Amino acid sequence: MSSESLQDQARSRREELDAHVRAMVQWHFDPETGCPFWLEWASKSDWDPRKEVTGLDDLSRFGLFDDDWLRGGPVRRWVPRAYSRDPIFVFETGGTTGTPKSRVNVRDFRVDYELFSETLPPEHFPLNSNWLMLGPSGPRRLRLAVEHLAHFRGGICFCVDLDPRWVIKLIKKGWTDHLKAYQDHVIDQAMTLLSAGHEIRCLFTTPKLLEALCDRLEDQGTSLRETGITGIFSGGTEFTPQWYRFAMEELLDGVYMTPTYGNSLMGLAGSKAFDPAENYKITYYAPQPRAVLRVVDFDDREKVVGYGETGRVLLTTLTPELFIPQFLERDEGEREPPCAQYPWDGVSGVRPFHRFAATTTVGVY
């Protein structure tokens, strides 16, 4: 795609995004469809978002979203009135920093992964194939989302038990022997499933668990490819370019893997196709217009940094189920330009925000 054509695509997508912002603001601040939280917020505000928000840039008027608003209940204050009679799911963060943040869902976790499904090459993630979900269970969106992804693609999902909050406690207490034993317990479950004749072809896991699984397989004289796995998607702050190179050269034996970046608020950001010329750089693109990632100055949150420059990740969530404007993530990275697959801004080098990194427990599983 020529640079001029890409610019046209980016301009068109920005117009679509601004229109989507207007629609979501109208929806969430309408007394018939909006949620109690935003309706109460509007009743105390001296401006009307439905009249004054014309696009993404106008969301700066909300200021930064306070993540403590998502901690504790009543959680129904986040349920839009349009969904008040629907079954409601609630998903939590890992809880590494006190009371977990909660997010309500009706279908968002399904929609996000159906959209992600379109990015998976069928030669590596065959339709009607079974999946292994080797990651956190419990009240986390990821478990049900991966299971739905398998169902949506015509397969069955096999899952393990993994409690990341217990892992966090082990790390904080310095109980390394217990930590290793718990990891072994999780890998034992995966090995049992992979050896049970379930014809598992696709895998979700995290960098640490993938490495542990491959090490266990090597100890037993086999490899991931020999188990029948043909495609992996993985994610987490430990998915660095250095680890990506290590995985592709030492662990995977040619098995295809795609990096992802996601959380309970954003959904799932896919990555630009692997390009050997980029030296294993991983660039993520949010599932726009349902979510938008911007890289902003560390000290001036209203200033988007230049391409290639470093800043903090600012997330905006824009679905009929959830409106979260200007949420400062606990991550930083470099702003990247649009590409042919994703004609909007991306972010590379995602890592824990340097001012928090020393005090935050990350990569727990």
Protein backbone atom coordinates (compact mmCIF):
# COMPACT_ATOMS: atom_id res chain seq x y z
CA MET A 1 0.00 0.00 0.00
CA SER A 2 1.40 3.42 -0.96
CA SER A 3 1.99 6.03 1.74
CA GLU A 4 -0.70 8.23 0.17
CA SER A 5 -3.21 5.38 0.18
CA LEU A 6 -2.34 4.57 3.80
CA GLN A 7 -2.85 8.21 4.76
CA ASP A 8 -6.26 8.14 3.10
CA GLN A 9 -7.14 4.96 5.00
CA ALA A 10 -5.96 6.47 8.28
CA ARG A 11 -7.98 9.64 7.66
CA SER A 12 -11.10 7.59 6.85
CA ARG A 13 -10.69 5.46 9.97
CA ARG A 14 -10.28 8.57 12.11
CA GLU A 15 -13.55 9.94 10.75
CA GLU A 16 -15.22 6.62 11.56
CA LEU A 17 -13.72 6.73 15.05
CA ASP A 18 -15.01 10.25 15.72
CA ALA A 19 -18.48 9.18 14.57
CA HIS A 20 -18.28 6.15 16.88
CA VAL A 21 -17.25 8.37 19.80
CA ARG A 22 -20.29 10.58 19.22
CA ALA A 23 -22.59 7.55 19.07
CA MET A 24 -21.18 6.02 22.26
CA VAL A 25 -21.43 9.30 24.17
CA GLN A 26 -25.04 9.70 23.07
CA TRP A 27 -25.74 6.12 24.18
CA HIS A 28 -24.07 6.26 27.60
CA PHE A 29 -25.52 9.65 28.56
CA ASP A 30 -29.07 8.95 27.39
CA PRO A 31 -31.36 8.32 30.39
CA GLU A 32 -33.00 5.46 28.47
CA THR A 33 -29.79 3.54 27.68
CA GLY A 34 -26.95 4.89 29.85
CA CYS A 35 -25.54 3.45 33.05
CA PRO A 36 -26.23 4.92 36.52
CA PHE A 37 -22.59 5.96 36.99
CA TRP A 38 -22.41 8.23 33.93
CA LEU A 39 -25.95 9.53 34.34
CA GLU A 40 -25.14 10.59 37.90
CA TRP A 41 -21.84 12.08 36.71
CA ALA A 42 -23.68 14.11 34.07
CA SER A 43 -26.22 15.39 36.61
CA LYS A 44 -23.36 16.96 38.58
CA SER A 45 -21.41 18.28 35.60
CA ASP A 46 -21.56 21.82 34.24
CA TRP A 47 -21.43 20.61 30.62
CA ASP A 48 -23.43 18.17 28.50
CA PRO A 49 -21.28 15.55 26.70
CA ARG A 50 -24.14 14.76 24.31
CA LYS A 51 -24.01 18.31 22.98
CA GLU A 52 -20.30 19.05 23.23
CA VAL A 53 -18.39 15.87 22.34
CA THR A 54 -17.79 15.77 18.58
CA GLY A 55 -14.90 13.29 18.45
CA LEU A 56 -12.03 11.61 20.23
CA ASP A 57 -10.14 14.81 21.08
CA ASP A 58 -13.10 16.17 23.04
CA LEU A 59 -12.84 13.30 25.53
CA SER A 60 -10.00 15.22 27.19
CA ARG A 61 -12.73 17.29 28.83
CA PHE A 62 -13.47 14.33 31.08
CA GLY A 63 -9.99 14.49 32.57
CA LEU A 64 -8.27 11.25 33.56
CA PHE A 65 -10.46 8.34 34.58
CA ASP A 66 -9.95 7.39 38.24
CA ASP A 67 -9.37 3.62 38.36
CA ASP A 68 -10.65 3.55 41.95
CA TRP A 69 -14.10 4.07 40.46
CA LEU A 70 -13.90 0.46 39.28
CA ARG A 71 -12.93 -0.91 42.69
CA GLY A 72 -15.76 -2.21 44.86
CA GLY A 73 -19.51 -1.98 44.35
CA PRO A 74 -22.28 -1.77 43.67
CA VAL A 75 -21.13 -3.05 40.31
CA ARG A 76 -24.57 -2.56 38.73
CA ARG A 77 -23.89 1.16 38.59
CA TRP A 78 -21.85 0.27 35.47
CA VAL A 79 -24.65 -1.71 33.76
CA PRO A 80 -26.31 0.37 31.01
CA ARG A 81 -30.06 0.55 31.41
CA ALA A 82 -30.41 -0.93 27.94
CA TYR A 83 -28.93 -4.18 29.36
CA SER A 84 -30.61 -4.17 32.77
CA ARG A 85 -32.55 -7.37 32.02
CA ASP A 86 -29.63 -9.22 30.42
CA PRO A 87 -27.44 -11.77 32.23
CA ILE A 88 -24.40 -9.85 33.48
CA PHE A 89 -20.86 -11.17 33.77
CA VAL A 90 -18.30 -9.46 35.98
CA PHE A 91 -14.56 -9.83 35.42
CA GLU A 92 -11.73 -8.71 37.65
CA THR A 93 -8.14 -7.64 37.24
CA GLY A 94 -5.41 -9.72 38.83
CA GLY A 95 -5.62 -7.68 42.01
CA THR A 96 -1.90 -6.88 42.25
CA THR A 97 -2.61 -3.46 43.78
CA GLY A 98 -5.33 -3.92 46.38
CA THR A 99 -9.05 -4.36 45.75
CA PRO A 100 -9.44 -5.68 42.19
CA LYS A 101 -11.00 -3.51 39.52
CA SER A 102 -14.22 -4.98 38.14
CA ARG A 103 -15.71 -4.77 34.67
CA VAL A 104 -19.25 -5.76 33.75
CA ASN A 105 -19.86 -7.62 30.49
CA VAL A 106 -22.82 -8.81 28.50
CA ARG A 107 -21.29 -9.78 25.14
CA ASP A 108 -18.15 -7.66 24.88
CA PHE A 109 -15.78 -10.49 25.69
CA ARG A 110 -17.33 -12.54 22.91
CA VAL A 111 -17.36 -9.72 20.35
CA ASP A 112 -13.73 -8.79 21.05
CA TYR A 113 -12.53 -12.33 20.45
CA GLU A 114 -14.72 -12.84 17.40
CA LEU A 115 -13.00 -9.81 15.88
CA PHE A 116 -9.60 -11.14 16.92
CA SER A 117 -10.49 -14.47 15.31
CA GLU A 118 -10.48 -12.74 11.91
CA THR A 119 -6.75 -12.01 12.31
CA LEU A 120 -5.74 -15.66 12.90
CA PRO A 121 -4.33 -17.43 9.83
CA PRO A 122 -6.36 -20.62 9.31
CA GLU A 123 -3.32 -22.63 8.22
CA HIS A 124 -1.95 -22.23 11.76
CA PHE A 125 -5.23 -21.98 13.68
CA PRO A 126 -7.41 -24.47 11.77
CA LEU A 127 -11.16 -24.11 12.06
CA ASN A 128 -12.89 -26.85 14.07
CA SER A 129 -9.71 -27.44 16.07
CA ASN A 130 -9.55 -27.87 19.83
CA TRP A 131 -7.74 -25.39 22.07
CA LEU A 132 -5.79 -25.43 25.31
CA MET A 133 -6.20 -22.39 27.57
CA LEU A 134 -2.99 -22.41 29.66
CA GLY A 135 -3.48 -19.24 31.65
CA PRO A 136 -5.33 -17.63 34.58
CA SER A 137 -8.73 -18.97 35.58
CA GLY A 138 -11.25 -17.72 38.12
CA PRO A 139 -12.92 -14.29 37.80
CA ARG A 140 -10.83 -13.22 34.81
CA ARG A 141 -12.23 -12.43 31.41
CA LEU A 142 -9.45 -14.28 29.60
CA ARG A 143 -10.61 -17.76 30.49
CA LEU A 144 -14.17 -17.36 29.13
CA ALA A 145 -12.91 -15.29 26.18
CA VAL A 146 -10.48 -17.96 24.96
CA GLU A 147 -13.15 -20.61 25.46
CA HIS A 148 -15.55 -18.55 23.34
CA LEU A 149 -12.83 -18.11 20.70
CA ALA A 150 -12.51 -21.88 20.46
CA HIS A 151 -16.30 -22.27 20.21
CA PHE A 152 -16.58 -19.50 17.63
CA ARG A 153 -14.00 -21.28 15.47
CA GLY A 154 -15.78 -24.61 15.82
CA GLY A 155 -13.63 -26.22 18.50
CA ILE A 156 -13.63 -27.23 22.16
CA CYS A 157 -11.49 -25.54 24.79
CA PHE A 158 -9.62 -27.40 27.53
CA CYS A 159 -8.59 -25.31 30.55
CA VAL A 160 -6.30 -25.58 33.56
CA ASP A 161 -6.66 -24.23 37.10
CA LEU A 162 -4.37 -21.25 37.73
CA ASP A 163 -4.79 -18.70 40.53
CA PRO A 164 -2.47 -15.71 39.86
CA ARG A 165 -3.27 -14.17 43.23
CA TRP A 166 -1.69 -17.15 44.96
CA VAL A 167 1.34 -16.75 42.70
CA ILE A 168 1.60 -13.08 43.72
CA LYS A 169 1.61 -14.08 47.39
CA LEU A 170 4.35 -16.63 46.79
CA ILE A 171 6.48 -14.05 44.99
CA LYS A 172 6.00 -11.43 47.70
CA LYS A 173 6.89 -13.92 50.43
CA GLY A 174 9.95 -15.10 48.53
CA TRP A 175 8.77 -18.70 48.61
CA THR A 176 10.60 -19.73 45.45
CA ASP A 177 10.29 -23.47 46.11
CA HIS A 178 6.52 -23.15 46.47
CA LEU A 179 6.41 -20.95 43.35
CA LYS A 180 8.24 -23.58 41.31
CA ALA A 181 5.98 -26.30 42.72
CA TYR A 182 2.85 -24.36 41.73
CA GLN A 183 4.19 -23.77 38.23
CA ASP A 184 4.92 -27.50 37.98
CA HIS A 185 1.34 -28.19 39.09
CA VAL A 186 0.00 -26.01 36.26
CA ILE A 187 2.30 -27.59 33.68
CA ASP A 188 1.31 -31.06 34.94
CA GLN A 189 -2.28 -30.22 34.02
CA ALA A 190 -1.25 -29.08 30.54
CA MET A 191 0.84 -32.18 29.93
CA THR A 192 -2.05 -34.40 30.95
CA LEU A 193 -4.40 -32.69 28.53
CA LEU A 194 -1.89 -32.72 25.66
CA SER A 195 -1.22 -36.44 26.13
CA ALA A 196 -4.87 -37.49 26.49
CA GLY A 197 -5.75 -37.76 22.80
CA HIS A 198 -7.89 -34.61 22.69
CA GLU A 199 -6.45 -33.49 19.32
CA ILE A 200 -5.52 -30.04 20.62
CA ARG A 201 -4.09 -27.87 17.82
CA CYS A 202 -4.26 -24.30 19.19
CA LEU A 203 -2.89 -22.81 22.38
CA PHE A 204 -3.21 -19.68 24.44
CA THR A 205 -0.54 -19.21 27.07
CA THR A 206 1.83 -16.67 28.62
CA PRO A 207 5.59 -16.35 28.00
CA LYS A 208 6.60 -17.92 31.34
CA LEU A 209 4.21 -20.83 31.00
CA LEU A 210 5.12 -21.43 27.36
CA GLU A 211 8.78 -21.63 28.29
CA ALA A 212 8.04 -23.98 31.19
CA LEU A 213 5.87 -26.19 28.96
CA CYS A 214 8.53 -26.41 26.26
CA ASP A 215 11.20 -27.21 28.86
CA ARG A 216 9.04 -30.03 30.25
CA LEU A 217 8.45 -31.41 26.77
CA GLU A 218 12.16 -31.29 26.00
CA ASP A 219 12.92 -33.15 29.25
CA GLN A 220 10.60 -35.88 27.97
CA GLY A 221 12.32 -35.98 24.58
CA THR A 222 9.60 -34.31 22.55
CA SER A 223 8.53 -30.84 21.37
CA LEU A 224 5.51 -28.60 21.08
CA ARG A 225 5.19 -29.42 17.40
CA GLU A 226 5.12 -33.14 18.18
CA THR A 227 2.14 -32.65 20.51
CA GLY A 228 0.15 -31.46 17.48
CA ILE A 229 0.10 -27.73 18.36
CA THR A 230 0.18 -25.62 15.17
CA GLY A 231 -0.71 -22.11 16.42
CA ILE A 232 -0.15 -20.13 19.61
CA PHE A 233 -1.30 -16.72 20.73
CA SER A 234 0.38 -15.30 23.76
CA GLY A 235 0.61 -12.05 25.66
CA GLY A 236 1.92 -10.22 28.69
CA THR A 237 4.49 -7.60 29.61
CA GLU A 238 7.21 -10.25 29.47
CA PHE A 239 6.60 -10.69 25.73
CA THR A 240 9.64 -8.59 24.79
CA PRO A 241 11.52 -8.59 21.46
CA GLN A 242 14.33 -10.51 23.19
CA TRP A 243 11.93 -13.17 24.42
CA TYR A 244 10.20 -13.27 21.03
CA ARG A 245 13.52 -14.06 19.34
CA PHE A 246 14.35 -16.68 21.98
CA ALA A 247 10.96 -18.34 21.58
CA MET A 248 11.12 -18.49 17.80
CA GLU A 249 14.74 -19.68 17.70
CA GLU A 250 14.82 -22.00 20.71
CA LEU A 251 11.33 -23.06 21.82
CA LEU A 252 8.80 -23.32 19.03
CA ASP A 253 10.41 -25.57 16.43
CA GLY A 254 8.58 -23.67 13.68
CA VAL A 255 5.17 -23.52 15.42
CA TYR A 256 3.45 -20.24 14.55
CA MET A 257 2.92 -17.68 17.33
CA THR A 258 1.24 -14.26 17.36
CA PRO A 259 1.81 -11.73 20.17
CA THR A 260 -1.14 -9.92 21.76
CA TYR A 261 -1.68 -7.16 24.31
CA GLY A 262 -4.92 -7.00 26.23
CA ASN A 263 -6.78 -6.57 29.48
CA SER A 264 -10.29 -6.56 30.89
CA LEU A 265 -10.95 -2.95 29.87
CA MET A 266 -9.48 -2.87 26.38
CA GLY A 267 -10.23 -6.27 24.96
CA LEU A 268 -7.45 -7.58 22.76
CA ALA A 269 -4.90 -5.67 20.67
CA GLY A 270 -3.48 -7.66 17.79
CA SER A 271 0.05 -7.27 16.50
CA LYS A 272 1.55 -6.27 13.18
CA ALA A 273 2.67 -9.24 11.11
CA PHE A 274 6.20 -10.41 11.89
CA ASP A 275 8.83 -8.70 9.74
CA PRO A 276 12.43 -9.96 10.00
CA ALA A 277 13.64 -6.48 9.00
CA GLU A 278 12.20 -5.04 12.23
CA ASN A 279 14.44 -7.15 14.46
CA TYR A 280 11.59 -8.77 16.41
CA LYS A 281 9.92 -5.48 17.32
CA ILE A 282 6.32 -6.08 18.38
CA THR A 283 3.77 -3.39 17.52
CA TYR A 284 0.24 -3.65 18.91
CA TYR A 285 -2.92 -2.04 17.55
CA ALA A 286 -6.06 -1.62 19.64
CA PRO A 287 -9.38 -3.03 18.33
CA GLN A 288 -10.47 0.39 17.09
CA PRO A 289 -13.10 1.86 17.27
CA ARG A 290 -14.13 -0.28 20.26
CA ALA A 291 -10.96 0.77 22.07
CA VAL A 292 -8.30 3.38 21.39
CA LEU A 293 -4.69 3.44 22.57
CA ARG A 294 -2.66 6.64 22.59
CA VAL A 295 0.89 7.18 23.81
CA VAL A 296 1.04 10.38 25.84
CA ASP A 297 3.74 12.46 27.49
CA PHE A 298 4.69 11.28 30.98
CA ASP A 299 3.96 14.68 32.52
CA ASP A 300 1.42 16.20 30.10
CA ARG A 301 -1.34 13.64 29.57
CA GLU A 302 -3.03 15.76 26.90
CA LYS A 303 0.05 15.68 24.66
CA VAL A 304 0.43 12.72 22.31
CA VAL A 305 4.13 12.00 21.75
CA GLY A 306 5.67 11.86 18.28
CA TYR A 307 6.14 8.66 16.32
CA GLY A 308 9.00 6.63 17.77
CA GLU A 309 8.90 8.58 21.04
CA THR A 310 8.23 7.06 24.45
CA GLY A 311 5.24 7.80 26.64
CA ARG A 312 2.56 6.26 28.82
CA VAL A 313 -0.31 4.25 27.37
CA LEU A 314 -3.70 5.97 27.57
CA LEU A 315 -6.73 3.76 26.94
CA THR A 316 -10.27 4.73 25.98
CA THR A 317 -12.97 2.04 25.88
CA LEU A 318 -15.94 2.71 23.60
CA THR A 319 -18.51 -0.07 23.48
CA PRO A 320 -22.26 0.02 24.17
CA GLU A 321 -21.52 -1.91 27.38
CA LEU A 322 -18.69 0.27 28.68
CA PHE A 323 -17.49 3.83 28.30
CA ILE A 324 -14.11 4.51 29.96
CA PRO A 325 -12.47 7.71 28.70
CA GLN A 326 -8.77 8.40 29.24
CA PHE A 327 -7.67 5.55 31.48
CA LEU A 328 -3.94 5.68 32.24
CA GLU A 329 -2.54 2.18 31.92
CA ARG A 330 0.31 0.92 34.09
CA ASP A 331 2.35 0.53 30.90
CA GLU A 332 4.59 2.64 28.71
CA GLY A 333 5.89 2.20 25.17
CA GLU A 334 6.71 3.86 21.87
CA ARG A 335 4.13 5.40 19.53
CA GLU A 336 4.02 3.67 16.14
CA PRO A 337 2.45 4.84 12.86
CA PRO A 338 -0.49 3.17 11.10
CA CYS A 339 0.16 0.14 8.92
CA ALA A 340 -1.74 -1.55 6.09
CA GLN A 341 -3.40 -4.09 8.38
CA TYR A 342 -4.24 -1.51 11.07
CA PRO A 343 -4.55 2.03 9.63
CA TRP A 344 -4.38 3.81 12.99
CA ASP A 345 -1.70 4.46 15.61
CA GLY A 346 -0.08 1.59 17.47
CA VAL A 347 2.32 1.08 20.36
CA SER A 348 5.51 -0.98 20.58
CA GLY A 349 7.89 -1.92 23.37
CA VAL A 350 5.07 -2.26 25.91
CA ARG A 351 6.50 -2.60 29.41
CA PRO A 352 5.59 -1.59 32.98
CA PHE A 353 5.56 2.17 33.55
CA HIS A 354 9.07 2.95 34.81
CA ARG A 355 7.87 4.95 37.82
CA PHE A 356 5.85 1.95 39.03
CA ALA A 357 8.02 -0.90 37.80
CA ALA A 358 9.97 -1.37 41.03
CA THR A 359 6.81 -1.65 43.15
CA THR A 360 4.52 -3.66 40.84
CA THR A 361 4.41 -7.44 40.63
CA VAL A 362 4.15 -8.36 36.95
CA GLY A 363 4.54 -11.48 34.85
CA VAL A 364 3.19 -13.61 37.67
CA TYR A 365 2.19 -16.49 35.45
